[in-house]
């Protein structure tokens, strides 16, 4: 494990957003959803591809708060331009579970 400085950590913009739309990403090579995540008035809605189909259905994702990195460069994923990276953890079977706040916080709040 490489150690980083606190200043390095501060460069990563981890923000809270609310999923406002989730749909099957039909063109993805691996099963995935296209997520539209609202980060509030200042940051707006950003799109992301998420390989979370094993544990979630699109309709249960809508309204869920998530933590995402919003300052990576945009990335082309097939026909989708991904604008943020929604975070999660692999559990014992390798499936991804989302990293979520356990209480409501304002959209766009930064993790520190």
N, C-alpha and C. Protein backbone atom coordinates (compact mmCIF):
# COMPACT_ATOMS: atom_id res chain seq x y z
N UNK A 1 0.85 -1.18 0.00
CA UNK A 1 0.00 0.00 0.00
C UNK A 1 0.89 1.24 0.00
N UNK A 2 0.60 2.12 -0.92
CA UNK A 2 1.34 3.37 -1.01
C UNK A 2 0.70 4.41 -0.10
N UNK A 3 1.51 5.08 0.71
CA UNK A 3 1.00 6.16 1.57
C UNK A 3 0.91 7.45 0.76
N UNK A 4 -0.15 8.20 1.02
CA UNK A 4 -0.32 9.50 0.38
C UNK A 4 -0.43 10.57 1.45
N UNK A 5 -0.24 11.79 1.06
CA UNK A 5 -0.38 12.90 2.01
C UNK A 5 -1.85 13.31 2.09
N UNK A 6 -2.18 14.05 3.14
CA UNK A 6 -3.54 14.56 3.26
C UNK A 6 -3.86 15.49 2.09
N UNK A 7 -2.86 16.23 1.62
CA UNK A 7 -3.06 17.11 0.46
C UNK A 7 -3.44 16.30 -0.78
N UNK A 8 -2.84 15.10 -0.94
CA UNK A 8 -3.22 14.23 -2.05
C UNK A 8 -4.69 13.83 -1.93
N UNK A 9 -5.11 13.46 -0.72
CA UNK A 9 -6.51 13.07 -0.49
C UNK A 9 -7.45 14.22 -0.83
N UNK A 10 -7.07 15.43 -0.46
CA UNK A 10 -7.94 16.59 -0.71
C UNK A 10 -8.14 16.88 -2.20
N UNK A 11 -7.28 16.35 -3.04
CA UNK A 11 -7.44 16.54 -4.49
C UNK A 11 -8.63 15.76 -5.04
N UNK A 12 -9.04 14.71 -4.34
CA UNK A 12 -10.15 13.88 -4.81
C UNK A 12 -11.46 14.48 -4.32
N UNK A 13 -12.32 14.83 -5.25
CA UNK A 13 -13.63 15.42 -4.94
C UNK A 13 -14.66 14.31 -4.80
N UNK A 14 -14.83 13.80 -3.59
CA UNK A 14 -15.87 12.81 -3.29
C UNK A 14 -17.10 13.57 -2.82
N UNK A 15 -18.18 13.44 -3.56
CA UNK A 15 -19.40 14.19 -3.27
C UNK A 15 -20.61 13.26 -3.17
N UNK A 16 -21.61 13.72 -2.43
CA UNK A 16 -22.87 12.99 -2.30
C UNK A 16 -23.82 13.43 -3.41
N UNK A 17 -24.43 12.45 -4.05
CA UNK A 17 -25.43 12.73 -5.06
C UNK A 17 -26.61 11.78 -4.89
N UNK A 18 -27.72 12.12 -5.55
CA UNK A 18 -28.91 11.27 -5.51
C UNK A 18 -29.18 10.75 -6.92
N UNK A 19 -29.33 9.44 -7.05
CA UNK A 19 -29.65 8.85 -8.34
C UNK A 19 -31.07 9.26 -8.72
N UNK A 20 -31.20 9.91 -9.87
CA UNK A 20 -32.52 10.36 -10.33
C UNK A 20 -33.03 9.54 -11.51
N UNK A 21 -32.13 8.78 -12.12
CA UNK A 21 -32.52 7.90 -13.23
C UNK A 21 -31.53 6.75 -13.31
N UNK A 22 -32.03 5.56 -13.55
CA UNK A 22 -31.18 4.38 -13.72
C UNK A 22 -31.78 3.49 -14.79
N UNK A 23 -30.96 3.06 -15.74
CA UNK A 23 -31.45 2.21 -16.83
C UNK A 23 -30.38 1.21 -17.20
N UNK A 24 -30.78 0.13 -17.84
CA UNK A 24 -29.84 -0.89 -18.29
C UNK A 24 -28.97 -0.30 -19.40
N UNK A 25 -27.68 -0.50 -19.27
CA UNK A 25 -26.70 -0.04 -20.26
C UNK A 25 -26.54 -1.18 -21.28
N UNK A 26 -27.41 -1.19 -22.28
CA UNK A 26 -27.50 -2.29 -23.24
C UNK A 26 -26.22 -2.50 -24.04
N UNK A 27 -25.47 -1.44 -24.30
CA UNK A 27 -24.27 -1.53 -25.12
C UNK A 27 -23.02 -1.92 -24.33
N UNK A 28 -23.10 -2.02 -23.03
CA UNK A 28 -21.94 -2.33 -22.20
C UNK A 28 -21.46 -3.75 -22.44
N UNK A 29 -20.14 -3.96 -22.37
CA UNK A 29 -19.57 -5.30 -22.54
C UNK A 29 -19.89 -6.20 -21.35
N UNK A 30 -19.87 -5.63 -20.15
CA UNK A 30 -20.25 -6.34 -18.93
C UNK A 30 -21.55 -5.73 -18.44
N UNK A 31 -22.41 -6.51 -17.79
CA UNK A 31 -23.69 -5.97 -17.32
C UNK A 31 -23.50 -4.70 -16.48
N UNK A 32 -24.23 -3.65 -16.82
CA UNK A 32 -24.08 -2.36 -16.15
C UNK A 32 -25.35 -1.55 -16.30
N UNK A 33 -25.43 -0.50 -15.49
CA UNK A 33 -26.51 0.48 -15.59
C UNK A 33 -25.92 1.83 -15.96
N UNK A 34 -26.73 2.66 -16.60
CA UNK A 34 -26.42 4.07 -16.77
C UNK A 34 -27.14 4.79 -15.64
N UNK A 35 -26.38 5.52 -14.84
CA UNK A 35 -26.95 6.28 -13.73
C UNK A 35 -26.87 7.77 -14.03
N UNK A 36 -27.93 8.48 -13.70
CA UNK A 36 -27.94 9.94 -13.73
C UNK A 36 -28.00 10.36 -12.27
N UNK A 37 -26.95 11.07 -11.82
CA UNK A 37 -26.79 11.40 -10.41
C UNK A 37 -26.85 12.91 -10.23
N UNK A 38 -27.75 13.36 -9.37
CA UNK A 38 -27.94 14.79 -9.09
C UNK A 38 -27.05 15.19 -7.92
N UNK A 39 -26.13 16.13 -8.17
CA UNK A 39 -25.23 16.63 -7.14
C UNK A 39 -25.62 18.02 -6.66
N UNK A 40 -26.85 18.44 -6.90
CA UNK A 40 -27.33 19.73 -6.44
C UNK A 40 -27.17 20.82 -7.48
N UNK A 41 -27.66 22.00 -7.12
CA UNK A 41 -27.70 23.13 -8.05
C UNK A 41 -26.32 23.53 -8.58
N UNK A 42 -25.31 23.51 -7.73
CA UNK A 42 -23.98 23.96 -8.13
C UNK A 42 -23.32 23.03 -9.14
N UNK A 43 -23.48 21.72 -8.96
CA UNK A 43 -22.78 20.74 -9.79
C UNK A 43 -23.67 20.08 -10.84
N UNK A 44 -24.97 20.05 -10.60
CA UNK A 44 -25.91 19.50 -11.57
C UNK A 44 -25.95 17.99 -11.61
N UNK A 45 -26.49 17.48 -12.71
CA UNK A 45 -26.65 16.04 -12.91
C UNK A 45 -25.51 15.52 -13.78
N UNK A 46 -24.91 14.42 -13.33
CA UNK A 46 -23.81 13.80 -14.07
C UNK A 46 -24.15 12.34 -14.34
N UNK A 47 -23.65 11.82 -15.46
CA UNK A 47 -23.91 10.43 -15.86
C UNK A 47 -22.72 9.54 -15.49
N UNK A 48 -23.04 8.28 -15.22
CA UNK A 48 -22.01 7.30 -14.90
C UNK A 48 -22.48 5.92 -15.33
N UNK A 49 -21.52 5.06 -15.64
CA UNK A 49 -21.79 3.65 -15.86
C UNK A 49 -21.41 2.91 -14.59
N UNK A 50 -22.26 1.98 -14.15
CA UNK A 50 -21.99 1.26 -12.91
C UNK A 50 -22.29 -0.23 -13.08
N UNK A 51 -21.31 -1.06 -12.79
CA UNK A 51 -21.46 -2.51 -12.88
C UNK A 51 -21.99 -3.03 -11.54
N UNK A 52 -23.25 -2.73 -11.28
CA UNK A 52 -23.87 -3.07 -10.00
C UNK A 52 -25.15 -3.89 -10.20
N UNK A 53 -25.25 -4.56 -11.34
CA UNK A 53 -26.49 -5.27 -11.69
C UNK A 53 -26.75 -6.50 -10.84
N UNK A 54 -25.73 -7.07 -10.21
CA UNK A 54 -25.92 -8.28 -9.42
C UNK A 54 -26.73 -8.02 -8.15
N UNK A 55 -26.61 -6.83 -7.59
CA UNK A 55 -27.25 -6.55 -6.30
C UNK A 55 -28.38 -5.53 -6.37
N UNK A 56 -28.55 -4.86 -7.49
CA UNK A 56 -29.53 -3.78 -7.58
C UNK A 56 -30.37 -3.89 -8.85
N UNK A 57 -31.61 -3.47 -8.75
CA UNK A 57 -32.49 -3.28 -9.91
C UNK A 57 -32.61 -1.79 -10.16
N UNK A 58 -32.79 -1.37 -11.41
CA UNK A 58 -32.84 0.07 -11.71
C UNK A 58 -33.86 0.84 -10.87
N UNK A 59 -35.06 0.27 -10.68
CA UNK A 59 -36.10 1.00 -9.97
C UNK A 59 -35.77 1.22 -8.49
N UNK A 60 -34.97 0.34 -7.87
CA UNK A 60 -34.62 0.53 -6.47
C UNK A 60 -33.47 1.52 -6.30
N UNK A 61 -32.77 1.83 -7.38
CA UNK A 61 -31.66 2.79 -7.31
C UNK A 61 -32.15 4.24 -7.30
N UNK A 62 -33.26 4.50 -7.96
CA UNK A 62 -33.77 5.87 -8.05
C UNK A 62 -34.12 6.37 -6.65
N UNK A 63 -33.55 7.52 -6.30
CA UNK A 63 -33.76 8.12 -4.99
C UNK A 63 -32.66 7.81 -4.00
N UNK A 64 -31.77 6.87 -4.33
CA UNK A 64 -30.69 6.47 -3.42
C UNK A 64 -29.56 7.49 -3.43
N UNK A 65 -29.06 7.83 -2.22
CA UNK A 65 -27.87 8.66 -2.12
C UNK A 65 -26.64 7.80 -2.37
N UNK A 66 -25.64 8.35 -3.08
CA UNK A 66 -24.40 7.66 -3.36
C UNK A 66 -23.23 8.62 -3.19
N UNK A 67 -22.04 8.05 -3.07
CA UNK A 67 -20.80 8.83 -3.01
C UNK A 67 -20.08 8.62 -4.33
N UNK A 68 -19.65 9.72 -4.96
CA UNK A 68 -19.00 9.62 -6.26
C UNK A 68 -17.82 10.58 -6.35
N UNK A 69 -16.83 10.19 -7.16
CA UNK A 69 -15.72 11.08 -7.50
C UNK A 69 -16.18 11.90 -8.69
N UNK A 70 -16.11 13.22 -8.55
CA UNK A 70 -16.60 14.07 -9.64
C UNK A 70 -15.50 14.83 -10.37
N UNK A 71 -14.23 14.66 -9.96
CA UNK A 71 -13.19 15.42 -10.64
C UNK A 71 -12.19 14.55 -11.41
N UNK A 72 -12.59 13.33 -11.79
CA UNK A 72 -11.82 12.58 -12.77
C UNK A 72 -12.16 13.15 -14.15
N UNK A 73 -11.25 13.02 -15.13
CA UNK A 73 -11.61 13.43 -16.50
C UNK A 73 -12.79 12.58 -16.99
N UNK A 74 -13.62 13.17 -17.84
CA UNK A 74 -14.71 12.41 -18.44
C UNK A 74 -14.12 11.24 -19.21
N UNK A 75 -14.88 10.11 -19.25
CA UNK A 75 -14.36 8.90 -19.88
C UNK A 75 -15.42 8.30 -20.80
N UNK A 76 -15.02 8.00 -22.02
CA UNK A 76 -15.92 7.37 -22.97
C UNK A 76 -16.05 5.89 -22.63
N UNK A 77 -17.28 5.44 -22.36
CA UNK A 77 -17.57 4.03 -22.08
C UNK A 77 -18.60 3.60 -23.13
N UNK A 78 -18.12 3.01 -24.21
CA UNK A 78 -19.02 2.70 -25.32
C UNK A 78 -19.64 4.00 -25.81
N UNK A 79 -20.96 4.05 -25.98
CA UNK A 79 -21.61 5.27 -26.44
C UNK A 79 -21.84 6.30 -25.33
N UNK A 80 -21.50 5.98 -24.09
CA UNK A 80 -21.75 6.87 -22.95
C UNK A 80 -20.49 7.64 -22.57
N UNK A 81 -20.64 8.95 -22.34
CA UNK A 81 -19.56 9.75 -21.79
C UNK A 81 -19.78 9.81 -20.28
N UNK A 82 -18.97 9.05 -19.53
CA UNK A 82 -19.10 9.00 -18.07
C UNK A 82 -18.50 10.26 -17.47
N UNK A 83 -19.25 10.89 -16.56
CA UNK A 83 -18.85 12.17 -15.98
C UNK A 83 -18.48 12.09 -14.51
N UNK A 84 -18.68 10.94 -13.90
CA UNK A 84 -18.32 10.75 -12.50
C UNK A 84 -18.13 9.26 -12.24
N UNK A 85 -17.52 8.93 -11.11
CA UNK A 85 -17.31 7.53 -10.73
C UNK A 85 -18.06 7.28 -9.43
N UNK A 86 -19.13 6.51 -9.53
CA UNK A 86 -19.90 6.14 -8.34
C UNK A 86 -19.10 5.06 -7.61
N UNK A 87 -18.94 5.22 -6.30
CA UNK A 87 -18.06 4.33 -5.53
C UNK A 87 -18.81 3.15 -4.92
N UNK A 88 -18.08 2.09 -4.69
CA UNK A 88 -18.64 0.90 -4.07
C UNK A 88 -17.54 -0.02 -3.61
N UNK A 89 -17.96 -1.11 -3.00
CA UNK A 89 -17.03 -2.11 -2.46
C UNK A 89 -17.40 -3.49 -3.01
N UNK A 90 -16.39 -4.31 -3.30
CA UNK A 90 -16.64 -5.70 -3.67
C UNK A 90 -16.85 -6.50 -2.39
N UNK A 91 -17.92 -7.27 -2.34
CA UNK A 91 -18.10 -8.12 -1.17
C UNK A 91 -17.50 -9.49 -1.46
N UNK A 92 -17.70 -10.45 -0.57
CA UNK A 92 -17.01 -11.74 -0.66
C UNK A 92 -17.23 -12.50 -1.96
N UNK A 93 -18.34 -12.29 -2.65
CA UNK A 93 -18.59 -12.97 -3.93
C UNK A 93 -18.14 -12.12 -5.12
N UNK A 94 -17.55 -10.96 -4.85
CA UNK A 94 -17.04 -10.10 -5.91
C UNK A 94 -18.06 -9.13 -6.47
N UNK A 95 -19.30 -9.18 -5.98
CA UNK A 95 -20.32 -8.25 -6.46
C UNK A 95 -20.13 -6.89 -5.77
N UNK A 96 -20.52 -5.83 -6.47
CA UNK A 96 -20.30 -4.48 -5.96
C UNK A 96 -21.52 -3.98 -5.18
N UNK A 97 -21.26 -3.52 -3.97
CA UNK A 97 -22.28 -2.85 -3.16
C UNK A 97 -21.90 -1.38 -3.08
N UNK A 98 -22.87 -0.51 -3.22
CA UNK A 98 -22.61 0.92 -3.27
C UNK A 98 -22.14 1.48 -1.93
N UNK A 99 -21.30 2.50 -2.02
CA UNK A 99 -20.88 3.27 -0.86
C UNK A 99 -21.92 4.38 -0.68
N UNK A 100 -22.66 4.33 0.42
CA UNK A 100 -23.76 5.27 0.61
C UNK A 100 -23.71 5.88 2.02
N UNK A 101 -24.11 7.15 2.16
CA UNK A 101 -24.25 7.71 3.51
C UNK A 101 -25.44 7.07 4.20
N UNK A 102 -25.34 6.87 5.50
CA UNK A 102 -26.47 6.23 6.20
C UNK A 102 -27.47 7.24 6.76
N UNK A 103 -27.22 8.54 6.52
CA UNK A 103 -28.20 9.58 6.87
C UNK A 103 -28.23 10.58 5.72
N UNK A 104 -29.32 11.29 5.60
CA UNK A 104 -29.47 12.28 4.53
C UNK A 104 -28.53 13.46 4.75
N UNK A 105 -27.87 13.87 3.68
CA UNK A 105 -27.02 15.06 3.67
C UNK A 105 -27.33 15.85 2.41
N UNK A 106 -27.06 17.15 2.40
CA UNK A 106 -27.36 17.95 1.20
C UNK A 106 -26.60 17.44 -0.02
N UNK A 107 -27.26 17.46 -1.16
CA UNK A 107 -26.63 17.05 -2.42
C UNK A 107 -25.41 17.90 -2.68
N UNK A 108 -24.34 17.27 -3.13
CA UNK A 108 -23.09 17.96 -3.43
C UNK A 108 -22.15 18.07 -2.24
N UNK A 109 -22.58 17.63 -1.05
CA UNK A 109 -21.70 17.70 0.11
C UNK A 109 -20.43 16.90 -0.14
N UNK A 110 -19.31 17.49 0.24
CA UNK A 110 -18.00 16.86 0.02
C UNK A 110 -17.63 15.98 1.20
N UNK A 111 -17.08 14.81 0.87
CA UNK A 111 -16.58 13.91 1.92
C UNK A 111 -15.23 14.42 2.39
N UNK A 112 -15.10 14.57 3.69
CA UNK A 112 -13.81 14.97 4.30
C UNK A 112 -13.54 14.14 5.50
